[in-house]
C-alpha atoms as a PDB file:
ATOM      1  CA  MET A   1      34.590 197.646 134.290  1.00  0.00           C
ATOM      2  CA  ARG A   2      36.580 194.416 134.115  1.00  0.00           C
ATOM      3  CA  HIS A   3      39.605 193.708 136.235  1.00  0.00           C
ATOM      4  CA  ALA A   4      41.770 190.615 136.118  1.00  0.00           C
ATOM      5  CA  ILE A   5      42.548 189.060 139.459  1.00  0.00           C
ATOM      6  CA  ILE A   6      45.311 186.493 139.757  1.00  0.00           C
ATOM      7  CA  ALA A   7      44.557 183.770 142.276  1.00  0.00           C
ATOM      8  CA  LEU A   8      47.271 181.617 143.826  1.00  0.00           C
ATOM      9  CA  ASP A   9      46.275 178.095 144.809  1.00  0.00           C
ATOM     10  CA  VAL A  10      48.507 177.610 147.850  1.00  0.00           C
ATOM     11  CA  SER A  11      47.540 175.479 150.825  1.00  0.00           C
ATOM     12  CA  PHE A  12      48.884 175.996 154.342  1.00  0.00           C
ATOM     13  CA  ALA A  13      49.887 172.318 154.417  1.00  0.00           C
ATOM     14  CA  ALA A  14      52.345 172.938 151.589  1.00  0.00           C
ATOM     15  CA  LEU A  15      53.806 175.913 153.446  1.00  0.00           C
ATOM     16  CA  LEU A  16      54.246 173.961 156.691  1.00  0.00           C
ATOM     17  CA  THR A  17      56.049 170.900 155.307  1.00  0.00           C
ATOM     18  CA  PRO A  18      59.466 170.187 156.850  1.00  0.00           C
ATOM     19  CA  ALA A  19      62.585 171.288 155.006  1.00  0.00           C
ATOM     20  CA  THR A  20      63.491 167.641 154.389  1.00  0.00           C
ATOM     21  CA  ALA A  21      60.288 167.015 152.427  1.00  0.00           C
ATOM     22  CA  GLN A  22      60.340 166.794 148.665  1.00  0.00           C
ATOM     23  CA  VAL A  23      60.008 170.028 146.760  1.00  0.00           C
ATOM     24  CA  GLN A  24      56.430 170.616 145.738  1.00  0.00           C
ATOM     25  CA  PRO A  25      55.545 171.907 142.267  1.00  0.00           C
ATOM     26  CA  ALA A  26      54.878 175.627 141.990  1.00  0.00           C
ATOM     27  CA  PRO A  27      51.317 176.646 142.833  1.00  0.00           C
ATOM     28  CA  ALA A  28      48.911 176.997 139.933  1.00  0.00           C
ATOM     29  CA  ILE A  29      48.286 180.561 138.824  1.00  0.00           C
ATOM     30  CA  THR A  30      44.945 181.239 137.233  1.00  0.00           C
ATOM     31  CA  SER A  31      43.368 184.401 135.884  1.00  0.00           C
ATOM     32  CA  THR A  32      39.835 185.330 136.835  1.00  0.00           C
ATOM     33  CA  THR A  33      37.686 188.136 135.449  1.00  0.00           C
ATOM     34  CA  VAL A  34      35.240 189.945 137.719  1.00  0.00           C
ATOM     35  CA  GLU A  35      32.756 192.720 137.093  1.00  0.00           C
ATOM     36  CA  LEU A  36      33.183 195.717 139.404  1.00  0.00           C
ATOM     37  CA  PRO A  37      30.752 198.613 139.687  1.00  0.00           C
ATOM     38  CA  PRO A  38      31.753 201.757 137.819  1.00  0.00           C
ATOM     39  CA  GLY A  39      34.001 203.946 139.908  1.00  0.00           C
ATOM     40  CA  ASP A  40      34.627 206.795 137.531  1.00  0.00           C
ATOM     41  CA  ALA A  41      31.145 208.330 137.425  1.00  0.00           C
ATOM     42  CA  LEU A  42      30.818 212.003 138.315  1.00  0.00           C
ATOM     43  CA  PHE A  43      28.036 213.690 140.230  1.00  0.00           C
ATOM     44  CA  PRO A  44      25.445 215.058 137.799  1.00  0.00           C
ATOM     45  CA  GLY A  45      24.751 218.767 137.628  1.00  0.00           C
ATOM     46  CA  GLY A  46      27.569 220.353 135.673  1.00  0.00           C
ATOM     47  CA  SER A  47      29.284 223.260 137.405  1.00  0.00           C
ATOM     48  CA  SER A  48      26.980 223.007 140.432  1.00  0.00           C
ATOM     49  CA  ALA A  49      28.666 219.646 141.136  1.00  0.00           C
ATOM     50  CA  ASP A  50      32.260 220.900 140.738  1.00  0.00           C
ATOM     51  CA  ALA A  51      32.971 221.199 144.475  1.00  0.00           C
ATOM     52  CA  ILE A  52      31.641 217.727 145.308  1.00  0.00           C
ATOM     53  CA  ASN A  53      33.342 216.154 142.275  1.00  0.00           C
ATOM     54  CA  ASN A  54      36.660 217.810 143.146  1.00  0.00           C
ATOM     55  CA  ASN A  55      36.589 216.932 146.852  1.00  0.00           C
ATOM     56  CA  CYS A  56      34.534 213.830 147.556  1.00  0.00           C
ATOM     57  CA  LEU A  57      35.375 211.430 144.732  1.00  0.00           C
ATOM     58  CA  ALA A  58      38.846 210.777 146.137  1.00  0.00           C
ATOM     59  CA  CYS A  59      37.265 208.580 148.819  1.00  0.00           C
ATOM     60  CA  HIS A  60      33.657 207.955 147.733  1.00  0.00           C
ATOM     61  CA  SER A  61      31.927 206.998 144.525  1.00  0.00           C
ATOM     62  CA  ALA A  62      29.137 209.282 143.360  1.00  0.00           C
ATOM     63  CA  ASP A  63      26.806 206.278 143.465  1.00  0.00           C
ATOM     64  CA  MET A  64      27.617 205.584 147.119  1.00  0.00           C
ATOM     65  CA  ILE A  65      26.842 209.151 148.178  1.00  0.00           C
ATOM     66  CA  LEU A  66      23.755 209.496 145.989  1.00  0.00           C
ATOM     67  CA  ASN A  67      22.337 206.322 147.553  1.00  0.00           C
ATOM     68  CA  GLN A  68      22.515 207.718 151.097  1.00  0.00           C
ATOM     69  CA  PRO A  69      19.264 208.622 152.849  1.00  0.00           C
ATOM     70  CA  ALA A  70      17.950 212.151 152.455  1.00  0.00           C
ATOM     71  CA  LEU A  71      19.156 214.454 155.233  1.00  0.00           C
ATOM     72  CA  SER A  72      18.487 218.027 156.287  1.00  0.00           C
ATOM     73  CA  ARG A  73      20.929 220.803 155.327  1.00  0.00           C
ATOM     74  CA  SER A  74      22.327 220.891 158.887  1.00  0.00           C
ATOM     75  CA  ALA A  75      22.802 217.112 158.883  1.00  0.00           C
ATOM     76  CA  TRP A  76      24.691 217.300 155.557  1.00  0.00           C
ATOM     77  CA  ASP A  77      26.821 220.104 156.983  1.00  0.00           C
ATOM     78  CA  SER A  78      27.636 217.889 159.974  1.00  0.00           C
ATOM     79  CA  GLU A  79      28.505 214.971 157.678  1.00  0.00           C
ATOM     80  CA  VAL A  80      30.865 217.089 155.568  1.00  0.00           C
ATOM     81  CA  HIS A  81      32.559 218.494 158.679  1.00  0.00           C
ATOM     82  CA  LYS A  82      32.849 214.956 160.083  1.00  0.00           C
ATOM     83  CA  MET A  83      34.737 213.973 156.926  1.00  0.00           C
ATOM     84  CA  ILE A  84      37.092 216.922 157.457  1.00  0.00           C
ATOM     85  CA  ASN A  85      37.584 216.622 161.221  1.00  0.00           C
ATOM     86  CA  ALA A  86      37.359 212.897 161.939  1.00  0.00           C
ATOM     87  CA  TYR A  87      38.677 211.453 158.676  1.00  0.00           C
ATOM     88  CA  LYS A  88      41.012 214.320 157.715  1.00  0.00           C
ATOM     89  CA  ALA A  89      39.457 214.781 154.271  1.00  0.00           C
ATOM     90  CA  PRO A  90      41.439 217.523 152.517  1.00  0.00           C
ATOM     91  CA  ILE A  91      38.410 219.716 151.816  1.00  0.00           C
ATOM     92  CA  ASP A  92      38.934 223.468 151.731  1.00  0.00           C
ATOM     93  CA  GLU A  93      36.502 225.187 154.104  1.00  0.00           C
ATOM     94  CA  GLY A  94      35.531 227.452 151.193  1.00  0.00           C
ATOM     95  CA  ASP A  95      34.146 224.429 149.296  1.00  0.00           C
ATOM     96  CA  VAL A  96      31.962 223.232 152.171  1.00  0.00           C
ATOM     97  CA  PRO A  97      28.944 225.494 151.410  1.00  0.00           C
ATOM     98  CA  ALA A  98      28.841 224.354 147.761  1.00  0.00           C
ATOM     99  CA  ILE A  99      29.105 220.681 148.783  1.00  0.00           C
ATOM    100  CA  VAL A 100      26.381 221.054 151.412  1.00  0.00           C
ATOM    101  CA  ASP A 101      24.166 222.986 148.949  1.00  0.00           C
ATOM    102  CA  TYR A 102      24.576 220.229 146.363  1.00  0.00           C
ATOM    103  CA  LEU A 103      23.781 217.435 148.845  1.00  0.00           C
ATOM    104  CA  ALA A 104      20.887 219.313 150.423  1.00  0.00           C
ATOM    105  CA  SER A 105      19.305 220.039 147.040  1.00  0.00           C
ATOM    106  CA  THR A 106      19.961 216.569 145.606  1.00  0.00           C
ATOM    107  CA  LYS A 107      19.266 214.499 148.723  1.00  0.00           C
ATOM    108  CA  ARG A 108      16.676 216.699 150.457  1.00  0.00           C
ATOM    109  CA  THR A 109      14.233 215.452 153.045  1.00  0.00           C
ATOM    110  CA  ASN A 110      10.517 215.775 152.310  1.00  0.00           C
END
């Protein structure tokens, strides 16, 4: 995914010159292209991933979550509840079991 970023070349010295100083030319504006990681990927698994796709992608990329270490079911349950309680994630309590099931089956410990 490409995004254009506009960079302003402004130095603090130019901003701090006295009002009596000569007017400086406008700062140069340049366009830069950067490559960002994909952010629109869904969790794989079809309908078994509906709850996690509908609730977790608002704040996290699928790649970020899928690259977390494997945890036990109870640890995943704690993580999901931490998102709800500490970070105020708007996750319906009815979706929690499906999210935990998905994470526990996808990111299970050995």
